[in-house]
Amino acid sequence: MTETRRRVFSGIQPSGDVHLGNYLGAIKNWVELTERYESIYCIVDLHAITIPYEPEELHDRVLDLAVALIASGLEADRCTLFVQSHVPEHAELAWLLNTVTPLGDLQRMTQFKEKSERIKAVSAGLLNYPVLQAADILLYRADLVPVGEDQRQHLELTREIARRWNARYGELFPEPDALIGPGRRVLGLDGVSKMSKSQNNVIPLLATPEELDAIVRTAVTDPARVARVDPGNPNVCNVFALHRVFSSPAEVEEIEIRCQTAGIGCVECKRLLAGNIADELAPVRERALELRERPDLVREVLHEGAERARVIARETLAEAYDRMGLRRNMAPTPAAPAAPAPAATPDPA
């Protein structure tokens, strides 16, 4: 397999409105990767049910996320995009991989420790989350996985699971490598914690220009800058950090100088940022409006993506079953048809 056609896999949870943290940390990079790799992307709804959720909301969240992903550039002609639960081989392979995954490895996962501290009744699904994640990747025998720092531990466990399974049953799963790209940890409006809907500090990806202006206005800036006449420190201001992403180099340089000399106030600085975000994301918003008017088109993209994914998934899972001594078809072999009786010889007259 050539470098340009190596396979990339990644997934994203339907956890609510897509925001700039999702876009800058993952989605924008995923779109760029489609130019160089065979790209498979998955809306991981099975992962989303490992913590308390509202069943009646899940379908809408999946559809909204699909709209945002397609509108951002993950069109059907560039990648395979599908919903995890539409390919049942994910759950089947996860069970097989459970049999080679030590319990202690799962209990040591940092994210499990953090999430279990916030939940009264910890489910086995939350504990086994990394095994399902490993199944997501290994099912497609992916070569590369785009990851951030918070997912490195999970990817290393995936590599370890692949090693254990291959050592026991023979080489089948490649050990996927981390693909470190320009994805970044984006701070929220509070300027302290990671942008997260649960923290109520997000900038929605599909917000209108008017909504962006109102939301960005609430962002925390340099806490030491009390009055308009006070000089600021751009290096501790998350609004300035976002300017580096959405504003031109010339604008960034000008804002940095004017902030340090009190030549620009925080209100004006935020207004400029909101306008630049709105301008860059205008094509995404327009495409999302089109897709929302045609939900059947979105469902068709997801259906076709699942069909393409299942071609690979079925092959991998069948091989895994066979290697593990599990025969999926136990129907008896049909008996050979009986030989035709010889033709009767007429009696001589």
Protein backbone atom coordinates (compact mmCIF):
# COMPACT_ATOMS: atom_id res chain seq x y z
CA MET A 1 0.00 0.00 0.00
CA THR A 2 1.46 3.37 -1.03
CA GLU A 3 1.82 6.27 1.33
CA THR A 4 -0.94 8.22 -0.41
CA ARG A 5 -3.44 5.42 0.07
CA ARG A 6 -2.73 4.42 3.65
CA ARG A 7 -5.94 4.13 5.64
CA VAL A 8 -7.00 6.63 8.31
CA PHE A 9 -9.78 6.03 10.81
CA SER A 10 -11.27 8.31 13.44
CA GLY A 11 -14.56 8.77 15.26
CA ILE A 12 -16.52 11.52 16.97
CA GLN A 13 -19.29 11.35 19.56
CA PRO A 14 -22.71 12.91 18.95
CA SER A 15 -22.57 14.79 22.23
CA GLY A 16 -24.40 17.96 21.21
CA ASP A 17 -23.89 21.01 19.03
CA VAL A 18 -20.60 20.91 17.15
CA HIS A 19 -18.36 23.76 18.27
CA LEU A 20 -15.07 25.40 17.32
CA GLY A 21 -13.18 23.03 19.60
CA ASN A 22 -14.42 20.07 17.53
CA TYR A 23 -13.74 21.88 14.29
CA LEU A 24 -10.21 23.09 15.06
CA GLY A 25 -9.23 20.05 17.11
CA ALA A 26 -10.38 17.38 14.66
CA ILE A 27 -12.80 18.07 11.80
CA LYS A 28 -10.73 20.59 9.86
CA ASN A 29 -7.77 18.22 9.98
CA TRP A 30 -9.94 15.27 8.89
CA VAL A 31 -10.99 17.16 5.77
CA GLU A 32 -7.35 17.83 4.88
CA LEU A 33 -6.45 14.16 5.41
CA THR A 34 -8.93 13.06 2.75
CA GLU A 35 -6.57 14.53 0.16
CA ARG A 36 -3.77 12.11 1.12
CA TYR A 37 -5.32 9.02 2.65
CA GLU A 38 -8.19 6.61 2.34
CA SER A 39 -10.30 8.13 5.09
CA ILE A 40 -12.97 6.42 7.17
CA TYR A 41 -14.85 8.53 9.72
CA CYS A 42 -17.49 7.33 12.14
CA ILE A 43 -20.16 8.93 14.34
CA VAL A 44 -19.67 6.78 17.43
CA ASP A 45 -23.16 6.59 18.91
CA LEU A 46 -22.38 3.32 20.76
CA HIS A 47 -19.76 5.21 22.75
CA ALA A 48 -22.30 7.93 23.53
CA ILE A 49 -24.54 5.52 25.47
CA THR A 50 -21.86 4.58 28.01
CA ILE A 51 -22.92 7.51 30.19
CA PRO A 52 -26.46 8.72 31.06
CA TYR A 53 -28.30 10.19 28.06
CA GLU A 54 -31.79 10.83 26.71
CA PRO A 55 -32.72 8.20 24.08
CA GLU A 56 -35.21 10.46 22.30
CA GLU A 57 -32.45 13.04 21.72
CA LEU A 58 -29.77 10.71 20.39
CA HIS A 59 -31.14 10.36 16.86
CA ASP A 60 -31.36 14.14 16.40
CA ARG A 61 -27.82 14.59 17.76
CA VAL A 62 -26.50 12.03 15.27
CA LEU A 63 -28.24 13.76 12.37
CA ASP A 64 -27.08 17.23 13.47
CA LEU A 65 -23.49 16.00 13.75
CA ALA A 66 -23.69 14.42 10.30
CA VAL A 67 -24.91 17.75 8.87
CA ALA A 68 -21.97 19.58 10.45
CA LEU A 69 -19.42 17.02 9.25
CA ILE A 70 -20.67 16.96 5.67
CA ALA A 71 -21.01 20.75 5.59
CA SER A 72 -17.41 21.06 6.79
CA GLY A 73 -16.18 19.09 3.77
CA LEU A 74 -16.53 15.39 4.62
CA GLU A 75 -18.59 14.75 1.50
CA ALA A 76 -19.32 11.21 0.30
CA ASP A 77 -16.95 11.49 -2.67
CA ARG A 78 -14.02 12.28 -0.37
CA CYS A 79 -14.38 9.79 2.47
CA THR A 80 -16.50 7.09 4.05
CA LEU A 81 -18.77 8.59 6.70
CA PHE A 82 -21.21 6.44 8.68
CA VAL A 83 -22.84 5.79 12.05
CA GLN A 84 -21.19 3.22 14.30
CA SER A 85 -24.36 1.35 15.28
CA HIS A 86 -25.23 0.89 11.59
CA VAL A 87 -22.27 -1.49 11.31
CA PRO A 88 -22.89 -4.18 13.97
CA GLU A 89 -19.45 -5.69 13.37
CA HIS A 90 -18.06 -2.99 15.68
CA ALA A 91 -19.83 -4.47 18.69
CA GLU A 92 -19.04 -8.05 17.62
CA LEU A 93 -15.31 -7.41 17.29
CA ALA A 94 -15.29 -5.54 20.61
CA TRP A 95 -16.50 -8.70 22.35
CA LEU A 96 -13.77 -10.77 20.71
CA LEU A 97 -11.13 -8.23 21.75
CA ASN A 98 -12.46 -8.22 25.32
CA THR A 99 -11.14 -11.77 25.64
CA VAL A 100 -7.51 -10.63 25.23
CA THR A 101 -7.73 -7.36 27.19
CA PRO A 102 -6.61 -7.47 30.86
CA LEU A 103 -9.02 -5.90 33.34
CA GLY A 104 -6.18 -4.00 34.99
CA ASP A 105 -5.35 -2.19 31.76
CA LEU A 106 -8.91 -0.85 31.56
CA GLN A 107 -9.01 0.21 35.19
CA ARG A 108 -5.82 2.23 34.72
CA MET A 109 -7.19 4.33 31.87
CA THR A 110 -7.13 8.00 32.84
CA GLN A 111 -10.45 8.90 31.22
CA PHE A 112 -12.19 6.02 32.99
CA LYS A 113 -10.88 7.23 36.33
CA GLU A 114 -12.00 10.80 35.67
CA LYS A 115 -15.47 9.92 34.37
CA SER A 116 -16.16 7.27 37.02
CA GLU A 117 -15.54 9.85 39.73
CA ARG A 118 -18.46 11.91 38.40
CA ILE A 119 -20.92 9.02 38.01
CA LYS A 120 -22.64 7.24 40.87
CA ALA A 121 -23.25 3.94 39.08
CA VAL A 122 -20.34 3.14 36.76
CA SER A 123 -21.34 0.85 33.91
CA ALA A 124 -19.30 -1.97 32.44
CA GLY A 125 -19.72 -0.12 29.14
CA LEU A 126 -17.73 2.83 30.46
CA LEU A 127 -14.98 0.47 31.61
CA ASN A 128 -14.93 -1.29 28.22
CA TYR A 129 -15.10 1.95 26.22
CA PRO A 130 -11.43 1.62 25.12
CA VAL A 131 -12.02 -1.92 23.85
CA LEU A 132 -14.85 -0.74 21.62
CA GLN A 133 -12.60 2.08 20.51
CA ALA A 134 -9.92 -0.47 19.63
CA ALA A 135 -12.52 -2.46 17.68
CA ASP A 136 -13.49 0.68 15.75
CA ILE A 137 -9.91 1.09 14.57
CA LEU A 138 -8.84 -2.53 14.12
CA LEU A 139 -12.02 -3.51 12.26
CA TYR A 140 -10.77 -1.43 9.32
CA ARG A 141 -7.14 -2.39 9.87
CA ALA A 142 -6.34 1.30 9.88
CA ASP A 143 -2.73 2.39 9.51
CA LEU A 144 -3.12 5.80 11.10
CA VAL A 145 -5.34 7.43 13.70
CA PRO A 146 -5.47 11.23 14.17
CA VAL A 147 -5.23 11.77 17.93
CA GLY A 148 -4.88 14.52 20.47
CA GLU A 149 -3.03 14.26 23.73
CA ASP A 150 -6.14 13.06 25.58
CA GLN A 151 -6.42 10.01 23.29
CA ARG A 152 -2.81 8.85 23.20
CA GLN A 153 -3.33 6.40 26.06
CA HIS A 154 -6.33 4.85 24.32
CA LEU A 155 -4.42 4.43 21.08
CA GLU A 156 -1.53 2.76 22.88
CA LEU A 157 -4.00 0.33 24.43
CA THR A 158 -5.35 -0.38 20.93
CA ARG A 159 -1.83 -1.22 19.80
CA GLU A 160 -1.36 -3.49 22.80
CA ILE A 161 -4.68 -5.27 22.14
CA ALA A 162 -3.63 -5.84 18.52
CA ARG A 163 -0.29 -7.29 19.69
CA ARG A 164 -1.98 -9.62 22.17
CA TRP A 165 -4.55 -10.84 19.66
CA ASN A 166 -1.99 -11.33 16.88
CA ALA A 167 0.35 -13.24 19.23
CA ARG A 168 -2.44 -15.63 20.16
CA TYR A 169 -4.23 -16.10 16.84
CA GLY A 170 -1.83 -14.99 14.10
CA GLU A 171 -1.12 -11.71 12.36
CA LEU A 172 -4.29 -9.92 11.27
CA PHE A 173 -4.41 -6.47 12.82
CA PRO A 174 -1.77 -3.82 12.06
CA GLU A 175 -0.69 -1.73 15.04
CA PRO A 176 -2.01 1.72 14.11
CA ASP A 177 0.28 4.72 14.43
CA ALA A 178 -0.71 8.07 15.86
CA LEU A 179 -1.10 10.76 13.26
CA ILE A 180 -0.10 14.01 14.89
CA GLY A 181 -1.52 16.90 12.92
CA PRO A 182 -2.33 20.55 13.47
CA GLY A 183 -5.30 19.73 15.70
CA ARG A 184 -5.20 21.78 18.86
CA ARG A 185 -6.70 21.95 22.33
CA VAL A 186 -9.06 24.90 22.11
CA LEU A 187 -9.91 26.75 25.29
CA GLY A 188 -13.48 27.78 25.92
CA LEU A 189 -15.00 31.19 26.54
CA ASP A 190 -13.70 31.11 30.10
CA GLY A 191 -10.13 31.01 28.79
CA VAL A 192 -9.24 28.27 31.27
CA SER A 193 -10.90 24.93 30.51
CA LYS A 194 -11.16 23.05 27.24
CA MET A 195 -14.07 24.12 25.04
CA SER A 196 -16.86 21.75 26.04
CA LYS A 197 -20.64 21.82 25.99
CA SER A 198 -20.68 20.35 29.50
CA GLN A 199 -18.70 23.39 30.65
CA ASN A 200 -21.10 25.77 28.84
CA ASN A 201 -18.16 27.59 27.28
CA VAL A 202 -18.45 26.82 23.57
CA ILE A 203 -18.69 28.76 20.32
CA PRO A 204 -21.09 26.77 18.09
CA LEU A 205 -19.73 25.94 14.66
CA LEU A 206 -22.97 26.82 12.85
CA ALA A 207 -23.86 29.98 14.77
CA THR A 208 -25.07 32.95 12.72
CA PRO A 209 -22.93 36.12 12.55
CA GLU A 210 -25.29 37.79 15.03
CA GLU A 211 -25.07 34.84 17.41
CA LEU A 212 -21.29 34.75 17.11
CA ASP A 213 -21.05 38.42 17.98
CA ALA A 214 -23.15 37.93 21.11
CA ILE A 215 -21.30 34.76 22.19
CA VAL A 216 -17.76 36.02 21.59
CA ARG A 217 -18.62 39.19 23.53
CA THR A 218 -18.82 37.04 26.69
CA ALA A 219 -15.31 35.59 26.29
CA VAL A 220 -12.80 36.22 29.08
CA THR A 221 -9.73 38.23 28.06
CA ASP A 222 -6.63 39.32 29.96
CA PRO A 223 -7.85 39.35 33.60
CA ALA A 224 -5.31 42.02 34.50
CA ARG A 225 -6.79 44.49 32.03
CA VAL A 226 -9.47 46.26 34.04
CA ALA A 227 -10.10 49.44 32.05
CA ARG A 228 -10.00 50.38 28.37
CA VAL A 229 -6.93 52.54 28.93
CA ASP A 230 -4.96 49.67 30.51
CA PRO A 231 -2.44 47.91 28.25
CA GLY A 232 -3.10 44.21 27.79
CA ASN A 233 -1.06 41.02 27.44
CA PRO A 234 -2.16 39.12 24.30
CA ASN A 235 -0.20 36.04 25.36
CA VAL A 236 -2.63 35.30 28.21
CA CYS A 237 -5.77 36.17 26.22
CA ASN A 238 -7.74 33.35 24.60
CA VAL A 239 -9.47 35.81 22.27
CA PHE A 240 -6.06 36.65 20.83
CA ALA A 241 -5.28 32.93 20.52
CA LEU A 242 -8.38 32.57 18.33
CA HIS A 243 -7.31 35.59 16.30
CA ARG A 244 -4.19 33.59 15.37
CA VAL A 245 -6.51 31.02 13.79
CA PHE A 246 -9.17 33.15 12.14
CA SER A 247 -7.46 36.48 11.42
CA SER A 248 -4.85 37.35 8.80
CA PRO A 249 -1.18 37.59 9.86
CA ALA A 250 -1.31 41.34 9.31
CA GLU A 251 -4.37 41.68 11.55
CA VAL A 252 -2.80 39.49 14.23
CA GLU A 253 0.34 41.64 14.27
CA GLU A 254 -1.67 44.86 14.44
CA ILE A 255 -3.95 43.59 17.23
CA GLU A 256 -0.97 42.39 19.26
CA ILE A 257 0.69 45.82 19.13
CA ARG A 258 -2.51 47.78 19.78
CA CYS A 259 -3.47 45.54 22.70
CA GLN A 260 -0.10 46.04 24.39
CA THR A 261 -0.38 49.81 23.95
CA ALA A 262 -4.09 50.10 24.84
CA GLY A 263 -4.75 51.09 21.24
CA ILE A 264 -7.64 48.67 21.00
CA GLY A 265 -10.20 47.70 23.58
CA CYS A 266 -11.43 44.18 24.32
CA VAL A 267 -14.89 44.92 22.91
CA GLU A 268 -13.50 45.96 19.54
CA CYS A 269 -11.04 43.05 19.58
CA LYS A 270 -13.90 40.58 20.15
CA ARG A 271 -16.03 42.18 17.44
CA LEU A 272 -13.22 41.75 14.92
CA LEU A 273 -12.78 38.12 15.94
CA ALA A 274 -16.49 37.34 15.66
CA GLY A 275 -16.57 38.84 12.17
CA ASN A 276 -13.56 36.85 11.01
CA ILE A 277 -14.99 33.59 12.40
CA ALA A 278 -18.28 34.31 10.63
CA ASP A 279 -16.50 35.00 7.34
CA GLU A 280 -14.40 31.82 7.39
CA LEU A 281 -17.30 29.59 8.36
CA ALA A 282 -19.84 31.13 5.97
CA PRO A 283 -19.51 28.27 3.41
CA VAL A 284 -20.02 25.70 6.19
CA ARG A 285 -23.16 27.47 7.44
CA GLU A 286 -24.58 27.77 3.92
CA ARG A 287 -23.98 24.07 3.17
CA ALA A 288 -25.49 23.10 6.53
CA LEU A 289 -28.67 25.07 5.70
CA GLU A 290 -28.96 23.16 2.43
CA LEU A 291 -28.50 19.81 4.18
CA ARG A 292 -31.05 20.62 6.87
CA GLU A 293 -33.56 21.22 4.11
CA ARG A 294 -32.75 17.76 2.73
CA PRO A 295 -32.43 15.32 5.68
CA ASP A 296 -33.00 12.38 3.34
CA LEU A 297 -29.79 13.28 1.54
CA VAL A 298 -27.90 13.18 4.85
CA ARG A 299 -29.40 9.78 5.67
CA GLU A 300 -28.43 8.55 2.21
CA VAL A 301 -24.82 9.61 2.74
CA LEU A 302 -24.73 7.76 6.07
CA HIS A 303 -26.42 4.68 4.60
CA GLU A 304 -24.02 4.48 1.67
CA GLY A 305 -21.09 5.06 4.01
CA ALA A 306 -22.24 2.19 6.23
CA GLU A 307 -22.55 -0.11 3.22
CA ARG A 308 -18.99 0.70 2.14
CA ALA A 309 -17.72 0.27 5.68
CA ARG A 310 -19.43 -3.12 6.07
CA VAL A 311 -17.59 -4.51 3.06
CA ILE A 312 -14.32 -4.10 4.98
CA ALA A 313 -15.83 -4.89 8.37
CA ARG A 314 -17.37 -8.20 7.32
CA GLU A 315 -14.12 -9.40 5.81
CA THR A 316 -12.12 -8.53 8.92
CA LEU A 317 -14.63 -10.02 11.32
CA ALA A 318 -14.98 -13.24 9.32
CA GLU A 319 -11.23 -13.70 9.42
CA ALA A 320 -11.13 -12.99 13.16
CA TYR A 321 -13.88 -15.53 13.83
CA ASP A 322 -12.08 -18.13 11.75
CA ARG A 323 -8.72 -17.55 13.48
CA MET A 324 -10.40 -17.90 16.88
CA GLY A 325 -12.01 -21.21 15.96
CA LEU A 326 -15.49 -19.75 15.69
CA ARG A 327 -17.38 -20.88 12.61
CA ARG A 328 -20.21 -18.56 11.77
CA ASN A 329 -22.00 -20.98 9.43
CA MET A 330 -22.76 -24.30 11.13
CA ALA A 331 -25.39 -25.47 8.67
CA PRO A 332 -24.82 -29.10 7.62
CA THR A 333 -23.13 -29.66 4.31
CA PRO A 334 -25.78 -30.50 1.71
CA ALA A 335 -25.73 -34.14 0.65
CA ALA A 336 -24.53 -34.85 -2.86
CA PRO A 337 -27.44 -35.41 -5.24
CA ALA A 338 -28.19 -39.05 -5.91
CA ALA A 339 -26.98 -40.43 -9.22
CA PRO A 340 -29.78 -40.77 -11.76
CA ALA A 341 -31.14 -44.29 -12.16
CA PRO A 342 -30.02 -46.04 -15.33
CA ALA A 343 -32.54 -46.03 -18.15
CA ALA A 344 -34.57 -49.25 -18.42
CA THR A 345 -33.52 -51.63 -21.21
CA PRO A 346 -36.50 -52.70 -23.31
CA ASP A 347 -37.23 -56.42 -23.46
CA PRO A 348 -36.42 -58.04 -26.81
CA ALA A 349 -39.49 -58.74 -28.91
